[in-house]
Amino acid sequence: MKSYARYIIPMFVLMLASSVPSFAQFTTYLRLVELEPYTEINMNVDSEVILLKSTRDHITFSGDSTFIASINVTQNDSVLSFNYEKEPEDKLIRVVIEYKDISSVTTGGNGTYYFHKLKQDNLAIRNPHAKVHLNGDAENLTLVSVDGINDVTSLNADKMFVQIGEKATLINREDRTVLSALN
């Protein structure tokens, strides 16, 4: 019996190891960037982006390879900008942007943008064609979207002006939004 166990256990471990996907396939790489204060964000991303009110100005990229180290982040005159040009072999999984105060955000790409726990007096969002989810509070909000999907069901806004194109979608819980069609 001992002789069989000596061969069966290693064979079982070998079969189990060969049937489990490589651990390298599940590795996530992180890049953390401390930023100077900014009030505007311009980004072009095809992944999930979480914007979060914080006590610091900070950005975190997570991806499936070390390419995230080459994502160019720039800051000019209180404007934070970055692009993620999608490569077939690289995948940006998520971007988390922490901010102290923002007044303007321009989205790009086909990503999904989550504005979490907004607490802004005035905020302008330009959303050409991404998916945007807003939750929190805004005193005055302006949302312009050409053909994006815009979910404001979890947003409390004293004054909200929304200008959308024919192909854009607005998901709203109440009929208190002023709508204007883009030409």
C-alpha atoms as a PDB file:
ATOM      1  CA  MET A   1       0.000   0.000   0.000  1.00  0.00           C
ATOM      2  CA  LYS A   2       2.847   2.375   0.825  1.00  0.00           C
ATOM      3  CA  SER A   3       4.344   1.873  -2.627  1.00  0.00           C
ATOM      4  CA  TYR A   4       1.077   2.876  -4.343  1.00  0.00           C
ATOM      5  CA  ALA A   5       0.709   5.966  -2.159  1.00  0.00           C
ATOM      6  CA  ARG A   6       4.230   7.009  -3.095  1.00  0.00           C
ATOM      7  CA  TYR A   7       3.189   7.103  -6.789  1.00  0.00           C
ATOM      8  CA  ILE A   8      -0.456   8.119  -6.518  1.00  0.00           C
ATOM      9  CA  ILE A   9       0.032  11.294  -4.449  1.00  0.00           C
ATOM     10  CA  PRO A  10       2.632  12.854  -6.814  1.00  0.00           C
ATOM     11  CA  MET A  11       0.480  11.909  -9.850  1.00  0.00           C
ATOM     12  CA  PHE A  12      -2.575  13.503  -8.226  1.00  0.00           C
ATOM     13  CA  VAL A  13      -0.624  16.711  -7.460  1.00  0.00           C
ATOM     14  CA  LEU A  14       0.743  16.792 -11.027  1.00  0.00           C
ATOM     15  CA  MET A  15      -2.742  16.345 -12.533  1.00  0.00           C
ATOM     16  CA  LEU A  16      -4.189  19.036 -10.257  1.00  0.00           C
ATOM     17  CA  ALA A  17      -1.402  21.492 -11.087  1.00  0.00           C
ATOM     18  CA  SER A  18      -1.801  20.944 -14.830  1.00  0.00           C
ATOM     19  CA  SER A  19      -5.569  21.512 -14.713  1.00  0.00           C
ATOM     20  CA  VAL A  20      -5.383  24.815 -12.764  1.00  0.00           C
ATOM     21  CA  PRO A  21      -4.697  27.947 -14.862  1.00  0.00           C
ATOM     22  CA  SER A  22      -1.392  29.661 -14.372  1.00  0.00           C
ATOM     23  CA  PHE A  23      -1.200  32.091 -11.449  1.00  0.00           C
ATOM     24  CA  ALA A  24       0.415  34.632 -13.797  1.00  0.00           C
ATOM     25  CA  GLN A  25      -2.924  35.008 -15.566  1.00  0.00           C
ATOM     26  CA  PHE A  26      -4.466  36.447 -12.398  1.00  0.00           C
ATOM     27  CA  THR A  27      -1.702  38.861 -11.424  1.00  0.00           C
ATOM     28  CA  THR A  28      -2.798  42.465 -11.044  1.00  0.00           C
ATOM     29  CA  TYR A  29      -0.262  45.265 -11.183  1.00  0.00           C
ATOM     30  CA  LEU A  30      -0.793  48.556  -9.366  1.00  0.00           C
ATOM     31  CA  ARG A  31       0.622  52.001 -10.028  1.00  0.00           C
ATOM     32  CA  LEU A  32       0.042  54.785  -7.503  1.00  0.00           C
ATOM     33  CA  VAL A  33       0.653  58.438  -8.416  1.00  0.00           C
ATOM     34  CA  GLU A  34       0.611  61.332  -5.942  1.00  0.00           C
ATOM     35  CA  LEU A  35      -0.606  64.489  -7.686  1.00  0.00           C
ATOM     36  CA  GLU A  36      -0.497  68.229  -7.274  1.00  0.00           C
ATOM     37  CA  PRO A  37      -3.934  69.791  -6.632  1.00  0.00           C
ATOM     38  CA  TYR A  38      -6.205  69.958  -9.699  1.00  0.00           C
ATOM     39  CA  THR A  39      -9.777  71.046 -10.431  1.00  0.00           C
ATOM     40  CA  GLU A  40     -10.289  69.653 -13.943  1.00  0.00           C
ATOM     41  CA  ILE A  41      -9.900  66.124 -15.308  1.00  0.00           C
ATOM     42  CA  ASN A  42      -9.559  65.106 -18.975  1.00  0.00           C
ATOM     43  CA  MET A  43      -9.335  61.366 -19.546  1.00  0.00           C
ATOM     44  CA  ASN A  44      -9.712  58.920 -22.375  1.00  0.00           C
ATOM     45  CA  VAL A  45     -10.113  55.421 -20.955  1.00  0.00           C
ATOM     46  CA  ASP A  46     -11.747  52.157 -22.062  1.00  0.00           C
ATOM     47  CA  SER A  47     -11.971  50.651 -18.586  1.00  0.00           C
ATOM     48  CA  GLU A  48     -13.706  51.200 -15.280  1.00  0.00           C
ATOM     49  CA  VAL A  49     -12.928  54.573 -13.654  1.00  0.00           C
ATOM     50  CA  ILE A  50     -13.946  55.442 -10.102  1.00  0.00           C
ATOM     51  CA  LEU A  51     -13.864  59.118  -9.092  1.00  0.00           C
ATOM     52  CA  LEU A  52     -13.894  59.550  -5.343  1.00  0.00           C
ATOM     53  CA  LYS A  53     -14.004  62.655  -3.132  1.00  0.00           C
ATOM     54  CA  SER A  54     -11.001  62.425  -0.801  1.00  0.00           C
ATOM     55  CA  THR A  55      -8.590  64.351   1.373  1.00  0.00           C
ATOM     56  CA  ARG A  56      -5.820  63.906  -1.195  1.00  0.00           C
ATOM     57  CA  ASP A  57      -5.161  64.187  -4.934  1.00  0.00           C
ATOM     58  CA  HIS A  58      -4.134  60.718  -5.999  1.00  0.00           C
ATOM     59  CA  ILE A  59      -4.568  58.259  -8.875  1.00  0.00           C
ATOM     60  CA  THR A  60      -4.236  54.460  -8.909  1.00  0.00           C
ATOM     61  CA  PHE A  61      -4.035  52.319 -12.037  1.00  0.00           C
ATOM     62  CA  SER A  62      -4.523  48.552 -11.955  1.00  0.00           C
ATOM     63  CA  GLY A  63      -3.879  46.325 -14.926  1.00  0.00           C
ATOM     64  CA  ASP A  64      -2.825  42.875 -15.992  1.00  0.00           C
ATOM     65  CA  SER A  65       0.769  43.785 -16.940  1.00  0.00           C
ATOM     66  CA  THR A  66       3.507  46.266 -16.204  1.00  0.00           C
ATOM     67  CA  PHE A  67       2.366  48.467 -19.134  1.00  0.00           C
ATOM     68  CA  ILE A  68       0.492  50.595 -16.578  1.00  0.00           C
ATOM     69  CA  ALA A  69       3.836  52.194 -15.703  1.00  0.00           C
ATOM     70  CA  SER A  70       3.873  53.768 -19.171  1.00  0.00           C
ATOM     71  CA  ILE A  71       0.444  55.463 -18.963  1.00  0.00           C
ATOM     72  CA  ASN A  72       1.214  59.149 -19.377  1.00  0.00           C
ATOM     73  CA  VAL A  73      -0.268  61.331 -16.617  1.00  0.00           C
ATOM     74  CA  THR A  74       0.134  65.093 -17.071  1.00  0.00           C
ATOM     75  CA  GLN A  75      -0.840  68.130 -15.041  1.00  0.00           C
ATOM     76  CA  ASN A  76      -0.960  71.638 -16.504  1.00  0.00           C
ATOM     77  CA  ASP A  77      -2.626  74.634 -14.851  1.00  0.00           C
ATOM     78  CA  SER A  78      -4.715  72.517 -12.443  1.00  0.00           C
ATOM     79  CA  VAL A  79      -5.828  70.126 -15.236  1.00  0.00           C
ATOM     80  CA  LEU A  80      -5.163  66.395 -14.785  1.00  0.00           C
ATOM     81  CA  SER A  81      -4.966  64.527 -18.111  1.00  0.00           C
ATOM     82  CA  PHE A  82      -4.264  60.955 -19.117  1.00  0.00           C
ATOM     83  CA  ASN A  83      -4.952  58.579 -22.002  1.00  0.00           C
ATOM     84  CA  TYR A  84      -5.035  54.844 -22.153  1.00  0.00           C
ATOM     85  CA  GLU A  85      -4.417  53.723 -25.696  1.00  0.00           C
ATOM     86  CA  LYS A  86      -5.602  50.149 -25.661  1.00  0.00           C
ATOM     87  CA  GLU A  87      -3.147  47.507 -26.790  1.00  0.00           C
ATOM     88  CA  PRO A  88      -4.499  44.021 -27.593  1.00  0.00           C
ATOM     89  CA  GLU A  89      -2.185  42.276 -25.132  1.00  0.00           C
ATOM     90  CA  ASP A  90      -2.575  44.790 -22.275  1.00  0.00           C
ATOM     91  CA  LYS A  91      -5.655  45.393 -20.218  1.00  0.00           C
ATOM     92  CA  LEU A  92      -6.289  48.304 -17.911  1.00  0.00           C
ATOM     93  CA  ILE A  93      -8.694  46.961 -15.312  1.00  0.00           C
ATOM     94  CA  ARG A  94      -9.496  49.996 -13.186  1.00  0.00           C
ATOM     95  CA  VAL A  95      -8.493  53.590 -12.479  1.00  0.00           C
ATOM     96  CA  VAL A  96      -9.304  55.171  -9.108  1.00  0.00           C
ATOM     97  CA  ILE A  97      -9.056  58.963  -9.006  1.00  0.00           C
ATOM     98  CA  GLU A  98      -9.142  60.629  -5.619  1.00  0.00           C
ATOM     99  CA  TYR A  99      -9.710  64.378  -5.629  1.00  0.00           C
ATOM    100  CA  LYS A 100     -10.163  67.178  -3.123  1.00  0.00           C
ATOM    101  CA  ASP A 101     -12.151  69.444  -5.417  1.00  0.00           C
ATOM    102  CA  ILE A 102     -13.172  69.254  -9.086  1.00  0.00           C
ATOM    103  CA  SER A 103     -15.205  71.585 -11.260  1.00  0.00           C
ATOM    104  CA  SER A 104     -14.984  69.933 -14.688  1.00  0.00           C
ATOM    105  CA  VAL A 105     -14.592  66.383 -16.009  1.00  0.00           C
ATOM    106  CA  THR A 106     -14.301  65.349 -19.654  1.00  0.00           C
ATOM    107  CA  THR A 107     -14.645  61.613 -20.311  1.00  0.00           C
ATOM    108  CA  GLY A 108     -13.439  59.801 -23.376  1.00  0.00           C
ATOM    109  CA  GLY A 109     -13.328  56.314 -24.711  1.00  0.00           C
ATOM    110  CA  ASN A 110     -15.899  53.651 -23.992  1.00  0.00           C
ATOM    111  CA  GLY A 111     -15.211  53.159 -20.317  1.00  0.00           C
ATOM    112  CA  THR A 112     -17.608  53.165 -17.390  1.00  0.00           C
ATOM    113  CA  TYR A 113     -17.151  56.121 -15.060  1.00  0.00           C
ATOM    114  CA  TYR A 114     -18.452  56.009 -11.489  1.00  0.00           C
ATOM    115  CA  PHE A 115     -18.637  59.302  -9.597  1.00  0.00           C
ATOM    116  CA  HIS A 116     -18.892  58.006  -6.042  1.00  0.00           C
ATOM    117  CA  LYS A 117     -20.104  60.149  -3.129  1.00  0.00           C
ATOM    118  CA  LEU A 118     -20.066  63.427  -5.033  1.00  0.00           C
ATOM    119  CA  LYS A 119     -20.086  66.518  -2.857  1.00  0.00           C
ATOM    120  CA  GLN A 120     -19.647  69.435  -5.260  1.00  0.00           C
ATOM    121  CA  ASP A 121     -21.070  72.925  -5.537  1.00  0.00           C
ATOM    122  CA  ASN A 122     -20.563  73.272  -9.297  1.00  0.00           C
ATOM    123  CA  LEU A 123     -19.636  70.453 -11.640  1.00  0.00           C
ATOM    124  CA  ALA A 124     -19.600  70.245 -15.437  1.00  0.00           C
ATOM    125  CA  ILE A 125     -19.341  66.816 -17.080  1.00  0.00           C
ATOM    126  CA  ARG A 126     -18.724  66.406 -20.808  1.00  0.00           C
ATOM    127  CA  ASN A 127     -19.417  62.802 -21.809  1.00  0.00           C
ATOM    128  CA  PRO A 128     -19.104  62.157 -25.561  1.00  0.00           C
ATOM    129  CA  HIS A 129     -19.918  58.415 -25.500  1.00  0.00           C
ATOM    130  CA  ALA A 130     -18.931  56.681 -22.272  1.00  0.00           C
ATOM    131  CA  LYS A 131     -21.146  55.267 -19.519  1.00  0.00           C
ATOM    132  CA  VAL A 132     -21.414  57.625 -16.535  1.00  0.00           C
ATOM    133  CA  HIS A 133     -22.971  56.804 -13.140  1.00  0.00           C
ATOM    134  CA  LEU A 134     -23.371  59.665 -10.670  1.00  0.00           C
ATOM    135  CA  ASN A 135     -24.131  59.307  -6.975  1.00  0.00           C
ATOM    136  CA  GLY A 136     -23.951  61.876  -4.226  1.00  0.00           C
ATOM    137  CA  ASP A 137     -24.785  65.574  -4.075  1.00  0.00           C
ATOM    138  CA  ALA A 138     -24.171  68.476  -6.431  1.00  0.00           C
ATOM    139  CA  GLU A 139     -25.552  71.959  -6.021  1.00  0.00           C
ATOM    140  CA  ASN A 140     -25.272  72.852  -9.723  1.00  0.00           C
ATOM    141  CA  LEU A 141     -24.591  70.151 -12.308  1.00  0.00           C
ATOM    142  CA  THR A 142     -24.217  70.504 -16.061  1.00  0.00           C
ATOM    143  CA  LEU A 143     -24.073  67.257 -18.060  1.00  0.00           C
ATOM    144  CA  VAL A 144     -23.426  67.268 -21.825  1.00  0.00           C
ATOM    145  CA  SER A 145     -23.499  63.936 -23.668  1.00  0.00           C
ATOM    146  CA  VAL A 146     -23.448  63.246 -27.416  1.00  0.00           C
ATOM    147  CA  ASP A 147     -24.257  59.530 -27.367  1.00  0.00           C
ATOM    148  CA  GLY A 148     -23.258  58.307 -23.915  1.00  0.00           C
ATOM    149  CA  ILE A 149     -25.294  56.534 -21.255  1.00  0.00           C
ATOM    150  CA  ASN A 150     -25.835  58.797 -18.246  1.00  0.00           C
ATOM    151  CA  ASP A 151     -27.292  57.441 -15.000  1.00  0.00           C
ATOM    152  CA  VAL A 152     -28.273  60.150 -12.502  1.00  0.00           C
ATOM    153  CA  THR A 153     -30.715  58.045 -10.447  1.00  0.00           C
ATOM    154  CA  SER A 154     -28.487  58.227  -7.341  1.00  0.00           C
ATOM    155  CA  LEU A 155     -27.690  61.924  -7.613  1.00  0.00           C
ATOM    156  CA  ASN A 156     -29.216  64.749  -5.601  1.00  0.00           C
ATOM    157  CA  ALA A 157     -28.814  68.046  -7.425  1.00  0.00           C
ATOM    158  CA  ASP A 158     -30.391  71.397  -6.630  1.00  0.00           C
ATOM    159  CA  LYS A 159     -30.017  72.511 -10.246  1.00  0.00           C
ATOM    160  CA  MET A 160     -29.230  70.122 -13.067  1.00  0.00           C
ATOM    161  CA  PHE A 161     -28.933  71.045 -16.742  1.00  0.00           C
ATOM    162  CA  VAL A 162     -28.583  68.115 -19.147  1.00  0.00           C
ATOM    163  CA  GLN A 163     -27.892  68.483 -22.861  1.00  0.00           C
ATOM    164  CA  ILE A 164     -27.960  65.177 -24.766  1.00  0.00           C
ATOM    165  CA  GLY A 165     -27.708  64.034 -28.359  1.00  0.00           C
ATOM    166  CA  GLU A 166     -30.212  61.851 -30.199  1.00  0.00           C
ATOM    167  CA  LYS A 167     -28.230  58.693 -29.451  1.00  0.00           C
ATOM    168  CA  ALA A 168     -27.563  59.529 -25.780  1.00  0.00           C
ATOM    169  CA  THR A 169     -29.439  57.921 -22.904  1.00  0.00           C
ATOM    170  CA  LEU A 170     -30.418  59.611 -19.652  1.00  0.00           C
ATOM    171  CA  ILE A 171     -31.546  57.465 -16.741  1.00  0.00           C
ATOM    172  CA  ASN A 172     -33.251  59.731 -14.213  1.00  0.00           C
ATOM    173  CA  ARG A 173     -35.447  58.925 -11.213  1.00  0.00           C
ATOM    174  CA  GLU A 174     -37.475  62.148 -11.326  1.00  0.00           C
ATOM    175  CA  ASP A 175     -38.648  64.534 -13.979  1.00  0.00           C
ATOM    176  CA  ARG A 176     -36.783  67.537 -12.577  1.00  0.00           C
ATOM    177  CA  THR A 177     -34.055  67.705 -15.200  1.00  0.00           C
ATOM    178  CA  VAL A 178     -33.980  70.419 -17.847  1.00  0.00           C
ATOM    179  CA  LEU A 179     -33.250  68.641 -21.135  1.00  0.00           C
ATOM    180  CA  SER A 180     -31.857  70.187 -24.272  1.00  0.00           C
ATOM    181  CA  ALA A 181     -31.133  68.316 -27.506  1.00  0.00           C
ATOM    182  CA  LEU A 182     -27.706  68.658 -29.111  1.00  0.00           C
ATOM    183  CA  ASN A 183     -27.628  69.494 -32.805  1.00  0.00           C
END
